[in-house]
């Protein structure tokens, strides 16, 4: 069994939220100009997934 089969909805949500915090910190504290746009888009995508997961609750588990 791999990690994706053993993690709960809440665990995945927590992992995404931690990842989003690290992206925001990197955007705030500095990154290469060439990375900024990509990181900002990635942070937006992660935010969208988090919002959808919160909206859907545990459906799909």
Protein backbone atom coordinates (compact mmCIF):
# COMPACT_ATOMS: atom_id res chain seq x y z
CA UNK A 1 0.00 0.00 0.00
CA UNK A 2 1.42 3.43 -0.89
CA UNK A 3 0.91 6.77 0.87
CA UNK A 4 -1.97 7.87 -1.35
CA UNK A 5 -3.96 4.80 -0.30
CA UNK A 6 -3.40 5.28 3.42
CA UNK A 7 -3.83 9.05 3.89
CA UNK A 8 -7.18 10.46 4.89
CA UNK A 9 -8.90 13.46 3.35
CA UNK A 10 -7.84 15.59 6.33
CA UNK A 11 -4.22 14.47 6.05
CA UNK A 12 -4.12 15.41 2.36
CA UNK A 13 -5.71 18.76 3.18
CA UNK A 14 -3.13 19.42 5.89
CA UNK A 15 -0.28 18.52 3.52
CA UNK A 16 -1.61 20.91 0.88
CA UNK A 17 -2.01 23.69 3.44
CA UNK A 18 1.57 23.19 4.62
CA UNK A 19 2.77 23.24 1.02
CA UNK A 20 0.79 26.42 0.36
CA UNK A 21 2.38 28.10 3.39
CA UNK A 22 5.85 27.21 2.11
CA UNK A 23 5.00 28.60 -1.34
CA UNK A 24 3.70 31.86 0.16
CA UNK A 25 6.80 32.19 2.31
CA UNK A 26 9.05 31.64 -0.69
CA UNK A 27 7.12 34.24 -2.68
CA UNK A 28 7.33 36.70 0.22
CA UNK A 29 10.98 36.18 1.18
CA UNK A 30 12.27 36.12 -2.34
CA UNK A 31 12.85 33.95 -5.29
CA UNK A 32 14.35 34.44 -8.72
CA UNK A 33 12.27 36.72 -10.94
CA UNK A 34 11.97 33.87 -13.43
CA UNK A 35 10.42 31.68 -10.71
CA UNK A 36 7.98 34.21 -9.29
CA UNK A 37 5.20 33.85 -11.86
CA UNK A 38 5.39 30.04 -11.84
CA UNK A 39 5.32 29.91 -8.04
CA UNK A 40 2.42 32.36 -7.90
CA UNK A 41 0.41 30.25 -10.36
CA UNK A 42 1.25 27.10 -8.43
CA UNK A 43 0.12 28.74 -5.18
CA UNK A 44 -3.17 29.75 -6.85
CA UNK A 45 -3.71 26.18 -8.06
CA UNK A 46 -3.01 24.75 -4.60
CA UNK A 47 -5.44 27.29 -3.12
CA UNK A 48 -8.13 26.17 -5.57
CA UNK A 49 -7.64 22.52 -4.63
CA UNK A 50 -7.78 23.38 -0.92
CA UNK A 51 -11.02 25.34 -1.41
CA UNK A 52 -12.60 22.47 -3.32
CA UNK A 53 -11.50 19.93 -0.74
CA UNK A 54 -12.99 22.03 2.06
CA UNK A 55 -16.22 22.47 0.09
CA UNK A 56 -16.54 18.76 -0.68
CA UNK A 57 -15.55 17.55 2.76
CA UNK A 58 -14.73 13.85 2.76
CA UNK A 59 -16.71 12.94 -0.35
CA UNK A 60 -14.70 10.80 -2.69
CA UNK A 61 -12.78 8.92 0.01
